[in-house]
Amino acid sequence: MERPRPFWDTARKFGVFEPERPGTVSANLGMHMTVPGGASVPMASVTAVGVMPPHRR
């Protein structure tokens, strides 16, 4: 039996960190999208974004 692929690909998580905590973080999922003509192209689907209050404008 094939092992299921992890839901979160660690290469698709991004963040900016302060010494004590994260300032901003985001994550996306790799997906495929069908475009006109029937081709399937890879894309990133943003699923989470977080920003600590001191880093907001």
C-alpha atoms as a PDB file:
ATOM      1  CA  MET A   1       0.000   0.000   0.000  1.00  0.00           C
ATOM      2  CA  GLU A   2       1.306   3.448  -0.929  1.00  0.00           C
ATOM      3  CA  ARG A   3       1.766   5.929   1.919  1.00  0.00           C
ATOM      4  CA  PRO A   4      -0.451   8.995   1.621  1.00  0.00           C
ATOM      5  CA  ARG A   5       1.304  12.222   0.711  1.00  0.00           C
ATOM      6  CA  PRO A   6       1.442  14.750   3.578  1.00  0.00           C
ATOM      7  CA  PHE A   7      -1.201  17.449   3.270  1.00  0.00           C
ATOM      8  CA  TRP A   8       1.310  20.281   3.918  1.00  0.00           C
ATOM      9  CA  ASP A   9       4.372  20.431   1.703  1.00  0.00           C
ATOM     10  CA  THR A  10       7.027  22.137   3.842  1.00  0.00           C
ATOM     11  CA  ALA A  11       8.511  23.773   0.734  1.00  0.00           C
ATOM     12  CA  ARG A  12       5.253  25.735   0.360  1.00  0.00           C
ATOM     13  CA  LYS A  13       5.304  27.447   3.756  1.00  0.00           C
ATOM     14  CA  PHE A  14       6.826  30.904   4.038  1.00  0.00           C
ATOM     15  CA  GLY A  15       7.435  33.239   6.937  1.00  0.00           C
ATOM     16  CA  VAL A  16       9.282  36.245   8.273  1.00  0.00           C
ATOM     17  CA  PHE A  17      10.499  35.754  11.814  1.00  0.00           C
ATOM     18  CA  GLU A  18      11.504  37.985  14.687  1.00  0.00           C
ATOM     19  CA  PRO A  19      13.873  36.617  17.321  1.00  0.00           C
ATOM     20  CA  GLU A  20      11.022  35.525  19.619  1.00  0.00           C
ATOM     21  CA  ARG A  21       8.089  34.792  17.285  1.00  0.00           C
ATOM     22  CA  PRO A  22       6.878  34.746  13.697  1.00  0.00           C
ATOM     23  CA  GLY A  23       5.942  38.106  12.174  1.00  0.00           C
ATOM     24  CA  THR A  24       4.130  36.811   9.113  1.00  0.00           C
ATOM     25  CA  VAL A  25       3.397  33.335   7.785  1.00  0.00           C
ATOM     26  CA  SER A  26       1.694  31.952   4.704  1.00  0.00           C
ATOM     27  CA  ALA A  27       1.062  28.593   3.119  1.00  0.00           C
ATOM     28  CA  ASN A  28      -0.195  27.332  -0.214  1.00  0.00           C
ATOM     29  CA  LEU A  29      -1.170  24.020  -1.731  1.00  0.00           C
ATOM     30  CA  GLY A  30       0.108  22.705  -5.037  1.00  0.00           C
ATOM     31  CA  MET A  31      -2.768  22.033  -7.399  1.00  0.00           C
ATOM     32  CA  HIS A  32      -3.478  21.709 -11.101  1.00  0.00           C
ATOM     33  CA  MET A  33      -5.850  23.901 -13.076  1.00  0.00           C
ATOM     34  CA  THR A  34      -7.432  23.075 -16.416  1.00  0.00           C
ATOM     35  CA  VAL A  35      -7.046  25.934 -18.892  1.00  0.00           C
ATOM     36  CA  PRO A  36      -8.849  26.546 -22.194  1.00  0.00           C
ATOM     37  CA  GLY A  37      -7.816  23.868 -24.624  1.00  0.00           C
ATOM     38  CA  GLY A  38      -7.892  21.164 -21.948  1.00  0.00           C
ATOM     39  CA  ALA A  39      -4.274  21.410 -20.731  1.00  0.00           C
ATOM     40  CA  SER A  40      -3.590  20.955 -17.022  1.00  0.00           C
ATOM     41  CA  VAL A  41      -1.057  23.393 -15.558  1.00  0.00           C
ATOM     42  CA  PRO A  42       0.427  23.483 -12.050  1.00  0.00           C
ATOM     43  CA  MET A  43      -0.569  26.340  -9.774  1.00  0.00           C
ATOM     44  CA  ALA A  44      -0.345  27.426  -6.147  1.00  0.00           C
ATOM     45  CA  SER A  45      -3.533  27.824  -4.157  1.00  0.00           C
ATOM     46  CA  VAL A  46      -3.116  30.198  -1.189  1.00  0.00           C
ATOM     47  CA  THR A  47      -4.709  28.590   1.842  1.00  0.00           C
ATOM     48  CA  ALA A  48      -3.434  30.498   4.872  1.00  0.00           C
ATOM     49  CA  VAL A  49      -1.971  33.928   5.634  1.00  0.00           C
ATOM     50  CA  GLY A  50      -1.246  35.364   9.060  1.00  0.00           C
ATOM     51  CA  VAL A  51       0.255  38.697  10.112  1.00  0.00           C
ATOM     52  CA  MET A  52       1.084  39.746  13.664  1.00  0.00           C
ATOM     53  CA  PRO A  53      -0.395  43.172  14.600  1.00  0.00           C
ATOM     54  CA  PRO A  54       2.955  45.047  14.767  1.00  0.00           C
ATOM     55  CA  HIS A  55       3.614  44.117  11.118  1.00  0.00           C
ATOM     56  CA  ARG A  56       0.373  45.460   9.683  1.00  0.00           C
ATOM     57  CA  ARG A  57       0.254  48.830   7.987  1.00  0.00           C
END
